[in-house]
C-alpha atoms as a PDB file:
ATOM      1  CA  UNK A   1       0.000   0.000   0.000  1.00  0.00           C
ATOM      2  CA  UNK A   2       2.848   2.373  -0.809  1.00  0.00           C
ATOM      3  CA  UNK A   3       1.326   5.780  -1.676  1.00  0.00           C
ATOM      4  CA  UNK A   4       1.839   7.489  -5.019  1.00  0.00           C
ATOM      5  CA  UNK A   5       0.773  10.873  -6.467  1.00  0.00           C
ATOM      6  CA  UNK A   6      -2.626   9.478  -7.517  1.00  0.00           C
ATOM      7  CA  UNK A   7      -3.250   7.763  -4.164  1.00  0.00           C
ATOM      8  CA  UNK A   8      -1.401   9.635  -1.398  1.00  0.00           C
ATOM      9  CA  UNK A   9      -3.860   8.226   1.147  1.00  0.00           C
ATOM     10  CA  UNK A  10      -2.916   4.603   0.531  1.00  0.00           C
ATOM     11  CA  UNK A  11      -1.736   2.710   3.613  1.00  0.00           C
ATOM     12  CA  UNK A  12      -1.780   5.733   5.924  1.00  0.00           C
ATOM     13  CA  UNK A  13      -3.400   3.788   8.783  1.00  0.00           C
ATOM     14  CA  UNK A  14      -0.485   1.320   8.928  1.00  0.00           C
ATOM     15  CA  UNK A  15       2.068   4.133   8.788  1.00  0.00           C
ATOM     16  CA  UNK A  16       0.218   5.845  11.655  1.00  0.00           C
ATOM     17  CA  UNK A  17       0.597   2.676  13.716  1.00  0.00           C
ATOM     18  CA  UNK A  18       4.289   2.426  12.871  1.00  0.00           C
ATOM     19  CA  UNK A  19       4.784   6.049  13.962  1.00  0.00           C
ATOM     20  CA  UNK A  20       2.974   5.345  17.243  1.00  0.00           C
ATOM     21  CA  UNK A  21       5.039   2.195  17.857  1.00  0.00           C
ATOM     22  CA  UNK A  22       8.241   4.158  17.322  1.00  0.00           C
ATOM     23  CA  UNK A  23       7.183   6.477  20.142  1.00  0.00           C
ATOM     24  CA  UNK A  24       7.184   3.593  22.633  1.00  0.00           C
ATOM     25  CA  UNK A  25      10.285   2.940  24.715  1.00  0.00           C
ATOM     26  CA  UNK A  26      12.267  -0.165  23.884  1.00  0.00           C
ATOM     27  CA  UNK A  27      11.051  -0.655  20.308  1.00  0.00           C
ATOM     28  CA  UNK A  28      12.992  -0.252  17.085  1.00  0.00           C
ATOM     29  CA  UNK A  29      10.677  -0.567  14.082  1.00  0.00           C
ATOM     30  CA  UNK A  30      11.531  -0.885  10.400  1.00  0.00           C
ATOM     31  CA  UNK A  31       8.830  -0.519   7.730  1.00  0.00           C
ATOM     32  CA  UNK A  32       8.823  -2.399   4.429  1.00  0.00           C
ATOM     33  CA  UNK A  33       5.996  -1.255   2.162  1.00  0.00           C
ATOM     34  CA  UNK A  34       5.347  -1.693  -1.527  1.00  0.00           C
ATOM     35  CA  UNK A  35       2.814  -0.718  -4.177  1.00  0.00           C
ATOM     36  CA  UNK A  36      -0.052  -2.967  -5.273  1.00  0.00           C
ATOM     37  CA  UNK A  37       0.498  -5.278  -8.206  1.00  0.00           C
ATOM     38  CA  UNK A  38       2.486  -8.352  -9.204  1.00  0.00           C
ATOM     39  CA  UNK A  39       5.635  -6.494 -10.304  1.00  0.00           C
ATOM     40  CA  UNK A  40       5.837  -4.570  -7.078  1.00  0.00           C
ATOM     41  CA  UNK A  41       5.320  -7.761  -5.093  1.00  0.00           C
ATOM     42  CA  UNK A  42       8.149  -9.411  -7.030  1.00  0.00           C
ATOM     43  CA  UNK A  43      10.497  -6.513  -6.205  1.00  0.00           C
ATOM     44  CA  UNK A  44       9.486  -6.696  -2.538  1.00  0.00           C
ATOM     45  CA  UNK A  45      10.111 -10.456  -2.622  1.00  0.00           C
ATOM     46  CA  UNK A  46      13.677  -9.827  -3.838  1.00  0.00           C
ATOM     47  CA  UNK A  47      14.166  -7.121  -1.208  1.00  0.00           C
ATOM     48  CA  UNK A  48      12.993  -9.497   1.517  1.00  0.00           C
ATOM     49  CA  UNK A  49      15.481 -12.086   0.268  1.00  0.00           C
ATOM     50  CA  UNK A  50      18.247  -9.500   0.682  1.00  0.00           C
ATOM     51  CA  UNK A  51      17.157  -9.052   4.310  1.00  0.00           C
ATOM     52  CA  UNK A  52      17.274 -12.742   5.140  1.00  0.00           C
ATOM     53  CA  UNK A  53      20.621 -12.304   6.871  1.00  0.00           C
ATOM     54  CA  UNK A  54      18.937 -10.111   9.473  1.00  0.00           C
ATOM     55  CA  UNK A  55      17.062 -11.612  12.382  1.00  0.00           C
ATOM     56  CA  UNK A  56      14.114  -9.769  13.884  1.00  0.00           C
ATOM     57  CA  UNK A  57      12.335 -10.370  17.146  1.00  0.00           C
ATOM     58  CA  UNK A  58       8.990  -9.805  15.387  1.00  0.00           C
ATOM     59  CA  UNK A  59       7.908  -9.585  11.770  1.00  0.00           C
ATOM     60  CA  UNK A  60       4.360  -8.210  11.593  1.00  0.00           C
ATOM     61  CA  UNK A  61       2.531  -8.322   8.253  1.00  0.00           C
ATOM     62  CA  UNK A  62      -0.617  -6.375   7.402  1.00  0.00           C
ATOM     63  CA  UNK A  63      -3.040  -8.060   4.953  1.00  0.00           C
ATOM     64  CA  UNK A  64      -3.054 -11.750   4.135  1.00  0.00           C
ATOM     65  CA  UNK A  65      -1.081 -11.654   0.883  1.00  0.00           C
ATOM     66  CA  UNK A  66       1.740  -9.801   2.623  1.00  0.00           C
ATOM     67  CA  UNK A  67       1.975 -12.725   5.035  1.00  0.00           C
ATOM     68  CA  UNK A  68       3.644 -14.826   2.363  1.00  0.00           C
ATOM     69  CA  UNK A  69       6.332 -12.188   2.005  1.00  0.00           C
ATOM     70  CA  UNK A  70       6.830 -12.062   5.786  1.00  0.00           C
ATOM     71  CA  UNK A  71       7.653 -15.769   5.824  1.00  0.00           C
ATOM     72  CA  UNK A  72      10.881 -15.005   3.960  1.00  0.00           C
ATOM     73  CA  UNK A  73      12.252 -13.034   6.923  1.00  0.00           C
ATOM     74  CA  UNK A  74      13.895 -14.585   9.973  1.00  0.00           C
ATOM     75  CA  UNK A  75      12.058 -13.819  13.202  1.00  0.00           C
ATOM     76  CA  UNK A  76      11.366 -15.273  16.624  1.00  0.00           C
ATOM     77  CA  UNK A  77       7.692 -14.351  16.215  1.00  0.00           C
ATOM     78  CA  UNK A  78       5.635 -13.760  13.088  1.00  0.00           C
ATOM     79  CA  UNK A  79       2.385 -11.790  13.320  1.00  0.00           C
ATOM     80  CA  UNK A  80      -0.340 -11.092  10.763  1.00  0.00           C
ATOM     81  CA  UNK A  81      -3.218  -8.603  10.921  1.00  0.00           C
ATOM     82  CA  UNK A  82      -6.145  -9.026   8.533  1.00  0.00           C
ATOM     83  CA  UNK A  83      -8.125  -5.961   7.472  1.00  0.00           C
ATOM     84  CA  UNK A  84     -11.162  -7.133   5.490  1.00  0.00           C
ATOM     85  CA  UNK A  85     -10.570  -7.513   1.769  1.00  0.00           C
ATOM     86  CA  UNK A  86      -8.065 -10.275   2.514  1.00  0.00           C
ATOM     87  CA  UNK A  87     -10.962 -12.307   3.955  1.00  0.00           C
ATOM     88  CA  UNK A  88     -13.855 -11.164   1.779  1.00  0.00           C
ATOM     89  CA  UNK A  89     -12.359 -11.440  -1.706  1.00  0.00           C
ATOM     90  CA  UNK A  90     -12.625 -15.104  -2.839  1.00  0.00           C
ATOM     91  CA  UNK A  91      -9.041 -15.495  -4.118  1.00  0.00           C
ATOM     92  CA  UNK A  92      -7.307 -13.537  -1.383  1.00  0.00           C
ATOM     93  CA  UNK A  93      -9.369 -15.370   1.250  1.00  0.00           C
ATOM     94  CA  UNK A  94      -7.896 -18.656   0.015  1.00  0.00           C
ATOM     95  CA  UNK A  95      -4.366 -17.234   0.135  1.00  0.00           C
ATOM     96  CA  UNK A  96      -4.965 -15.823   3.611  1.00  0.00           C
ATOM     97  CA  UNK A  97      -6.451 -19.072   4.900  1.00  0.00           C
ATOM     98  CA  UNK A  98      -3.386 -20.967   3.671  1.00  0.00           C
ATOM     99  CA  UNK A  99      -0.873 -18.683   5.374  1.00  0.00           C
ATOM    100  CA  UNK A 100      -2.596 -18.137   8.747  1.00  0.00           C
ATOM    101  CA  UNK A 101      -1.462 -21.422  10.386  1.00  0.00           C
ATOM    102  CA  UNK A 102       2.175 -20.391   9.859  1.00  0.00           C
ATOM    103  CA  UNK A 103       1.868 -17.326  12.088  1.00  0.00           C
ATOM    104  CA  UNK A 104       2.461 -17.214  15.846  1.00  0.00           C
ATOM    105  CA  UNK A 105       0.178 -14.214  16.336  1.00  0.00           C
ATOM    106  CA  UNK A 106      -3.010 -13.712  14.325  1.00  0.00           C
ATOM    107  CA  UNK A 107      -5.036 -10.515  14.634  1.00  0.00           C
ATOM    108  CA  UNK A 108      -8.060  -8.821  13.087  1.00  0.00           C
ATOM    109  CA  UNK A 109      -8.907  -5.140  13.260  1.00  0.00           C
ATOM    110  CA  UNK A 110     -12.381  -5.709  14.770  1.00  0.00           C
ATOM    111  CA  UNK A 111     -14.346  -8.382  16.584  1.00  0.00           C
ATOM    112  CA  UNK A 112     -16.758  -8.711  13.672  1.00  0.00           C
ATOM    113  CA  UNK A 113     -13.865  -9.333  11.281  1.00  0.00           C
ATOM    114  CA  UNK A 114     -12.292 -11.836  13.673  1.00  0.00           C
ATOM    115  CA  UNK A 115     -15.515 -13.852  13.436  1.00  0.00           C
ATOM    116  CA  UNK A 116     -14.948 -14.130   9.669  1.00  0.00           C
ATOM    117  CA  UNK A 117     -11.541 -15.803   9.922  1.00  0.00           C
ATOM    118  CA  UNK A 118     -11.615 -18.925   7.756  1.00  0.00           C
ATOM    119  CA  UNK A 119     -11.042 -21.564  10.445  1.00  0.00           C
ATOM    120  CA  UNK A 120     -12.171 -22.256  13.998  1.00  0.00           C
ATOM    121  CA  UNK A 121      -8.534 -22.659  15.046  1.00  0.00           C
ATOM    122  CA  UNK A 122      -7.662 -19.189  13.764  1.00  0.00           C
ATOM    123  CA  UNK A 123     -10.721 -17.666  15.437  1.00  0.00           C
ATOM    124  CA  UNK A 124      -9.837 -19.235  18.803  1.00  0.00           C
ATOM    125  CA  UNK A 125      -6.333 -17.828  18.924  1.00  0.00           C
ATOM    126  CA  UNK A 126      -6.830 -14.506  17.158  1.00  0.00           C
ATOM    127  CA  UNK A 127      -6.778 -11.108  18.867  1.00  0.00           C
ATOM    128  CA  UNK A 128      -8.385  -7.779  17.994  1.00  0.00           C
ATOM    129  CA  UNK A 129      -5.585  -5.322  17.185  1.00  0.00           C
ATOM    130  CA  UNK A 130      -6.815  -2.232  15.281  1.00  0.00           C
ATOM    131  CA  UNK A 131      -4.452   0.384  13.892  1.00  0.00           C
ATOM    132  CA  UNK A 132      -6.303   3.282  15.533  1.00  0.00           C
ATOM    133  CA  UNK A 133      -6.900   6.953  14.755  1.00  0.00           C
ATOM    134  CA  UNK A 134      -4.180   9.595  14.965  1.00  0.00           C
ATOM    135  CA  UNK A 135      -5.909  11.917  17.437  1.00  0.00           C
ATOM    136  CA  UNK A 136      -3.121  14.466  17.128  1.00  0.00           C
ATOM    137  CA  UNK A 137      -3.865  14.925  13.434  1.00  0.00           C
ATOM    138  CA  UNK A 138      -7.625  14.459  13.745  1.00  0.00           C
ATOM    139  CA  UNK A 139      -8.818  17.104  16.187  1.00  0.00           C
ATOM    140  CA  UNK A 140     -11.504  19.804  16.115  1.00  0.00           C
ATOM    141  CA  UNK A 141     -10.852  22.779  13.830  1.00  0.00           C
ATOM    142  CA  UNK A 142     -13.312  25.638  13.397  1.00  0.00           C
ATOM    143  CA  UNK A 143     -15.558  24.880  10.413  1.00  0.00           C
ATOM    144  CA  UNK A 144     -15.042  28.365   8.980  1.00  0.00           C
ATOM    145  CA  UNK A 145     -11.263  27.923   9.144  1.00  0.00           C
ATOM    146  CA  UNK A 146     -11.358  24.498   7.482  1.00  0.00           C
ATOM    147  CA  UNK A 147     -13.614  25.722   4.678  1.00  0.00           C
ATOM    148  CA  UNK A 148     -11.437  28.745   4.023  1.00  0.00           C
ATOM    149  CA  UNK A 149      -8.374  26.495   3.722  1.00  0.00           C
ATOM    150  CA  UNK A 150     -10.197  24.292   1.178  1.00  0.00           C
ATOM    151  CA  UNK A 151     -11.864  27.100  -0.767  1.00  0.00           C
ATOM    152  CA  UNK A 152     -15.379  25.980   0.201  1.00  0.00           C
ATOM    153  CA  UNK A 153     -18.352  28.279   0.659  1.00  0.00           C
ATOM    154  CA  UNK A 154     -18.827  29.468   4.211  1.00  0.00           C
ATOM    155  CA  UNK A 155     -22.600  28.909   4.554  1.00  0.00           C
ATOM    156  CA  UNK A 156     -23.285  26.063   2.123  1.00  0.00           C
ATOM    157  CA  UNK A 157     -24.367  22.709   3.665  1.00  0.00           C
ATOM    158  CA  UNK A 158     -21.701  20.098   2.972  1.00  0.00           C
ATOM    159  CA  UNK A 159     -21.720  16.401   3.798  1.00  0.00           C
ATOM    160  CA  UNK A 160     -18.545  14.313   3.572  1.00  0.00           C
ATOM    161  CA  UNK A 161     -18.368  10.785   2.160  1.00  0.00           C
ATOM    162  CA  UNK A 162     -14.913   9.827   3.532  1.00  0.00           C
ATOM    163  CA  UNK A 163     -13.872   7.304   0.893  1.00  0.00           C
ATOM    164  CA  UNK A 164     -13.121   6.885  -2.777  1.00  0.00           C
ATOM    165  CA  UNK A 165     -16.480   6.691  -4.630  1.00  0.00           C
ATOM    166  CA  UNK A 166     -15.001   3.964  -6.835  1.00  0.00           C
ATOM    167  CA  UNK A 167     -14.961   1.530  -3.911  1.00  0.00           C
ATOM    168  CA  UNK A 168     -18.322  -0.172  -4.351  1.00  0.00           C
ATOM    169  CA  UNK A 169     -18.531  -1.569  -0.804  1.00  0.00           C
ATOM    170  CA  UNK A 170     -18.444   1.985   0.610  1.00  0.00           C
ATOM    171  CA  UNK A 171     -21.827   2.685  -1.074  1.00  0.00           C
ATOM    172  CA  UNK A 172     -21.367   6.114  -2.583  1.00  0.00           C
ATOM    173  CA  UNK A 173     -24.776   5.626  -4.202  1.00  0.00           C
ATOM    174  CA  UNK A 174     -26.427   5.704  -0.776  1.00  0.00           C
ATOM    175  CA  UNK A 175     -24.603   8.875   0.238  1.00  0.00           C
ATOM    176  CA  UNK A 176     -25.559  10.540  -3.048  1.00  0.00           C
ATOM    177  CA  UNK A 177     -29.243   9.654  -2.653  1.00  0.00           C
ATOM    178  CA  UNK A 178     -29.284  10.908   0.930  1.00  0.00           C
ATOM    179  CA  UNK A 179     -27.748  14.256   0.046  1.00  0.00           C
ATOM    180  CA  UNK A 180     -30.080  14.694  -2.919  1.00  0.00           C
ATOM    181  CA  UNK A 181     -33.039  14.171  -0.589  1.00  0.00           C
ATOM    182  CA  UNK A 182     -31.660  16.499   2.098  1.00  0.00           C
ATOM    183  CA  UNK A 183     -30.469  19.251  -0.253  1.00  0.00           C
ATOM    184  CA  UNK A 184     -26.778  19.092   0.693  1.00  0.00           C
ATOM    185  CA  UNK A 185     -23.650  19.011  -1.431  1.00  0.00           C
ATOM    186  CA  UNK A 186     -21.687  15.782  -1.125  1.00  0.00           C
ATOM    187  CA  UNK A 187     -17.907  15.941  -0.782  1.00  0.00           C
ATOM    188  CA  UNK A 188     -15.741  12.856  -1.276  1.00  0.00           C
ATOM    189  CA  UNK A 189     -12.250  11.667  -0.436  1.00  0.00           C
ATOM    190  CA  UNK A 190      -9.875   9.581  -2.520  1.00  0.00           C
ATOM    191  CA  UNK A 191      -6.610  11.034  -3.761  1.00  0.00           C
ATOM    192  CA  UNK A 192      -6.405  13.367  -0.743  1.00  0.00           C
ATOM    193  CA  UNK A 193      -3.128  13.527   1.188  1.00  0.00           C
ATOM    194  CA  UNK A 194      -3.523  12.261   4.783  1.00  0.00           C
ATOM    195  CA  UNK A 195      -2.486  15.585   6.301  1.00  0.00           C
ATOM    196  CA  UNK A 196      -5.340  17.325   4.439  1.00  0.00           C
ATOM    197  CA  UNK A 197      -8.099  14.873   5.401  1.00  0.00           C
ATOM    198  CA  UNK A 198      -8.801  16.488   8.823  1.00  0.00           C
ATOM    199  CA  UNK A 199      -9.646  19.746   7.025  1.00  0.00           C
ATOM    200  CA  UNK A 200     -12.285  17.950   4.926  1.00  0.00           C
ATOM    201  CA  UNK A 201     -13.763  16.316   8.002  1.00  0.00           C
ATOM    202  CA  UNK A 202     -13.940  19.567   9.946  1.00  0.00           C
ATOM    203  CA  UNK A 203     -15.367  21.445   6.958  1.00  0.00           C
ATOM    204  CA  UNK A 204     -18.404  19.156   6.797  1.00  0.00           C
ATOM    205  CA  UNK A 205     -21.723  19.598   8.572  1.00  0.00           C
ATOM    206  CA  UNK A 206     -21.720  15.827   8.983  1.00  0.00           C
ATOM    207  CA  UNK A 207     -19.896  12.722   7.808  1.00  0.00           C
ATOM    208  CA  UNK A 208     -21.817   9.773   6.302  1.00  0.00           C
ATOM    209  CA  UNK A 209     -20.417   6.229   6.208  1.00  0.00           C
ATOM    210  CA  UNK A 210     -23.166   4.045   4.642  1.00  0.00           C
ATOM    211  CA  UNK A 211     -20.813   1.121   3.953  1.00  0.00           C
ATOM    212  CA  UNK A 212     -21.941  -2.366   3.022  1.00  0.00           C
ATOM    213  CA  UNK A 213     -19.044  -3.659   5.113  1.00  0.00           C
ATOM    214  CA  UNK A 214     -16.038  -2.381   7.060  1.00  0.00           C
ATOM    215  CA  UNK A 215     -13.106  -4.269   8.490  1.00  0.00           C
ATOM    216  CA  UNK A 216     -12.742  -1.616  11.190  1.00  0.00           C
ATOM    217  CA  UNK A 217     -14.283   1.786  10.456  1.00  0.00           C
ATOM    218  CA  UNK A 218     -11.460   4.292  10.855  1.00  0.00           C
ATOM    219  CA  UNK A 219     -13.278   7.097   9.020  1.00  0.00           C
ATOM    220  CA  UNK A 220     -16.016   7.088  11.649  1.00  0.00           C
ATOM    221  CA  UNK A 221     -13.473   7.441  14.454  1.00  0.00           C
ATOM    222  CA  UNK A 222     -11.747  10.257  12.578  1.00  0.00           C
ATOM    223  CA  UNK A 223     -15.045  12.162  12.423  1.00  0.00           C
ATOM    224  CA  UNK A 224     -15.669  11.595  16.139  1.00  0.00           C
ATOM    225  CA  UNK A 225     -12.133  12.764  16.942  1.00  0.00           C
ATOM    226  CA  UNK A 226     -12.955  16.023  15.131  1.00  0.00           C
ATOM    227  CA  UNK A 227     -16.298  16.250  16.987  1.00  0.00           C
ATOM    228  CA  UNK A 228     -18.204  16.159  13.694  1.00  0.00           C
ATOM    229  CA  UNK A 229     -21.539  14.262  13.658  1.00  0.00           C
ATOM    230  CA  UNK A 230     -21.385  10.940  11.850  1.00  0.00           C
ATOM    231  CA  UNK A 231     -24.085   8.672  10.391  1.00  0.00           C
ATOM    232  CA  UNK A 232     -22.958   5.101   9.749  1.00  0.00           C
ATOM    233  CA  UNK A 233     -24.241   1.614   9.103  1.00  0.00           C
ATOM    234  CA  UNK A 234     -23.753  -0.995  11.875  1.00  0.00           C
ATOM    235  CA  UNK A 235     -20.626  -2.645  10.470  1.00  0.00           C
ATOM    236  CA  UNK A 236     -17.089  -2.884  11.810  1.00  0.00           C
ATOM    237  CA  UNK A 237     -16.563  -0.805  14.948  1.00  0.00           C
ATOM    238  CA  UNK A 238     -19.424   1.613  14.220  1.00  0.00           C
ATOM    239  CA  UNK A 239     -22.002   0.441  16.760  1.00  0.00           C
ATOM    240  CA  UNK A 240     -19.496   0.346  19.606  1.00  0.00           C
ATOM    241  CA  UNK A 241     -18.131   3.771  18.699  1.00  0.00           C
ATOM    242  CA  UNK A 242     -21.421   5.595  18.020  1.00  0.00           C
ATOM    243  CA  UNK A 243     -24.210   4.043  20.101  1.00  0.00           C
ATOM    244  CA  UNK A 244     -25.573   6.542  22.615  1.00  0.00           C
ATOM    245  CA  UNK A 245     -23.942   9.616  21.091  1.00  0.00           C
ATOM    246  CA  UNK A 246     -26.458  12.408  20.612  1.00  0.00           C
ATOM    247  CA  UNK A 247     -26.425  13.866  17.114  1.00  0.00           C
ATOM    248  CA  UNK A 248     -24.868  10.805  15.488  1.00  0.00           C
ATOM    249  CA  UNK A 249     -26.537   7.651  14.183  1.00  0.00           C
ATOM    250  CA  UNK A 250     -25.588   4.011  13.753  1.00  0.00           C
ATOM    251  CA  UNK A 251     -28.380   2.194  11.927  1.00  0.00           C
ATOM    252  CA  UNK A 252     -29.118   0.295   8.710  1.00  0.00           C
ATOM    253  CA  UNK A 253     -29.350   2.674   5.786  1.00  0.00           C
ATOM    254  CA  UNK A 254     -32.835   4.077   5.318  1.00  0.00           C
ATOM    255  CA  UNK A 255     -33.163   7.476   3.657  1.00  0.00           C
ATOM    256  CA  UNK A 256     -36.061   8.744   5.785  1.00  0.00           C
ATOM    257  CA  UNK A 257     -34.393   7.905   9.102  1.00  0.00           C
ATOM    258  CA  UNK A 258     -30.945   9.109   8.062  1.00  0.00           C
ATOM    259  CA  UNK A 259     -32.385  12.320   6.592  1.00  0.00           C
ATOM    260  CA  UNK A 260     -34.205  13.087   9.856  1.00  0.00           C
ATOM    261  CA  UNK A 261     -30.897  12.900  11.754  1.00  0.00           C
ATOM    262  CA  UNK A 262     -28.864  14.686   9.089  1.00  0.00           C
ATOM    263  CA  UNK A 263     -31.057  17.713   8.327  1.00  0.00           C
ATOM    264  CA  UNK A 264     -30.652  19.534  11.683  1.00  0.00           C
ATOM    265  CA  UNK A 265     -26.871  19.502  11.143  1.00  0.00           C
ATOM    266  CA  UNK A 266     -27.216  21.169   7.754  1.00  0.00           C
ATOM    267  CA  UNK A 267     -28.437  24.406   9.298  1.00  0.00           C
ATOM    268  CA  UNK A 268     -26.200  24.347  12.375  1.00  0.00           C
ATOM    269  CA  UNK A 269     -23.499  27.003  12.429  1.00  0.00           C
ATOM    270  CA  UNK A 270     -21.014  24.692  14.161  1.00  0.00           C
ATOM    271  CA  UNK A 271     -20.542  21.000  14.824  1.00  0.00           C
ATOM    272  CA  UNK A 272     -23.451  19.583  16.801  1.00  0.00           C
ATOM    273  CA  UNK A 273     -21.806  16.350  17.874  1.00  0.00           C
ATOM    274  CA  UNK A 274     -22.148  14.957  21.382  1.00  0.00           C
ATOM    275  CA  UNK A 275     -19.526  16.298  23.783  1.00  0.00           C
ATOM    276  CA  UNK A 276     -18.346  12.728  24.339  1.00  0.00           C
ATOM    277  CA  UNK A 277     -17.568  12.084  20.664  1.00  0.00           C
ATOM    278  CA  UNK A 278     -13.851  12.764  20.938  1.00  0.00           C
ATOM    279  CA  UNK A 279     -13.643  10.647  24.076  1.00  0.00           C
ATOM    280  CA  UNK A 280     -14.998   7.719  22.076  1.00  0.00           C
ATOM    281  CA  UNK A 281     -12.287   8.225  19.455  1.00  0.00           C
ATOM    282  CA  UNK A 282      -9.568   8.485  22.091  1.00  0.00           C
ATOM    283  CA  UNK A 283     -10.374   4.923  23.172  1.00  0.00           C
ATOM    284  CA  UNK A 284      -9.087   3.859  19.759  1.00  0.00           C
ATOM    285  CA  UNK A 285      -6.193   6.291  19.369  1.00  0.00           C
ATOM    286  CA  UNK A 286      -3.168   5.064  17.415  1.00  0.00           C
ATOM    287  CA  UNK A 287      -1.110   5.522  20.596  1.00  0.00           C
ATOM    288  CA  UNK A 288      -3.359   3.225  22.647  1.00  0.00           C
ATOM    289  CA  UNK A 289      -3.608   0.674  19.874  1.00  0.00           C
ATOM    290  CA  UNK A 290       0.189   0.671  19.504  1.00  0.00           C
ATOM    291  CA  UNK A 291       0.465  -0.195  23.195  1.00  0.00           C
ATOM    292  CA  UNK A 292      -1.871  -3.152  22.623  1.00  0.00           C
ATOM    293  CA  UNK A 293       0.214  -4.344  19.690  1.00  0.00           C
ATOM    294  CA  UNK A 294       3.434  -3.987  21.668  1.00  0.00           C
ATOM    295  CA  UNK A 295       1.959  -6.009  24.534  1.00  0.00           C
ATOM    296  CA  UNK A 296       0.797  -8.710  22.122  1.00  0.00           C
ATOM    297  CA  UNK A 297       4.340  -8.913  20.742  1.00  0.00           C
ATOM    298  CA  UNK A 298       5.786  -9.189  24.248  1.00  0.00           C
ATOM    299  CA  UNK A 299       3.462 -12.037  25.193  1.00  0.00           C
ATOM    300  CA  UNK A 300       4.164 -13.875  21.933  1.00  0.00           C
ATOM    301  CA  UNK A 301       7.920 -13.512  22.444  1.00  0.00           C
ATOM    302  CA  UNK A 302       7.646 -14.926  25.951  1.00  0.00           C
ATOM    303  CA  UNK A 303       5.798 -17.949  24.580  1.00  0.00           C
ATOM    304  CA  UNK A 304       8.494 -18.399  21.946  1.00  0.00           C
ATOM    305  CA  UNK A 305      11.309 -18.789  24.481  1.00  0.00           C
END
């Protein structure tokens, strides 16, 4: 998931976790990342072969296909985190299922995704280890300030769809229909540099995440960290993160119900999210999740003695 000029957002959640891990005492972390595609994978395979003289305490792969590459590196413990597409796509699910038994530590980014692991043995020993939200980058910014930075109109009602519309499982069609019914302009992400994303979140009257499925649901947590109201389907982490928050909604997509929650935000002069929204996001901060990952490594290393 190496970023490029067309997709600067690619893989940012893993890099955020690496940055958080590097902040912890006693850890030295190297990152090997590569672009999608067979040629890139072949180059990474050769690079991994060049590293075979090194011995790591832990090699931690993200996504099932990357697990095969991780097996080429010498380590006391090998870990693999699955994120969703590696279990839901038919071919990659087969590749992931084949590699999972060879890992000492298996993790999924949410409990719901853990339940979709392809074997009972994997489900019994797996842990939930999300990447988390960078709450230093995602924080409240005055809506007027964010809109000025992006060249958006000051008073116009904007709703943010925080994904690439081309990703069918994110259900851009639902977001478009909702905004047409509510009379709001729909903004989208995709091709936006990670450091600019918080401006788009804070510029919006509300964020809508009507996904068919989510491995985790990081975009929802990013909205909560910015104290921007969010409407989301009950997939991934959404229910746990949103339930009980006034001004936000976690429910199956239904235009009438979602419109009733959305419309009051379209005329509000500032974010109308529950005061506890950011606190919910802080539970899943990249710093806290890095501590969980570090502890999982420590336990696995002790078992490997």
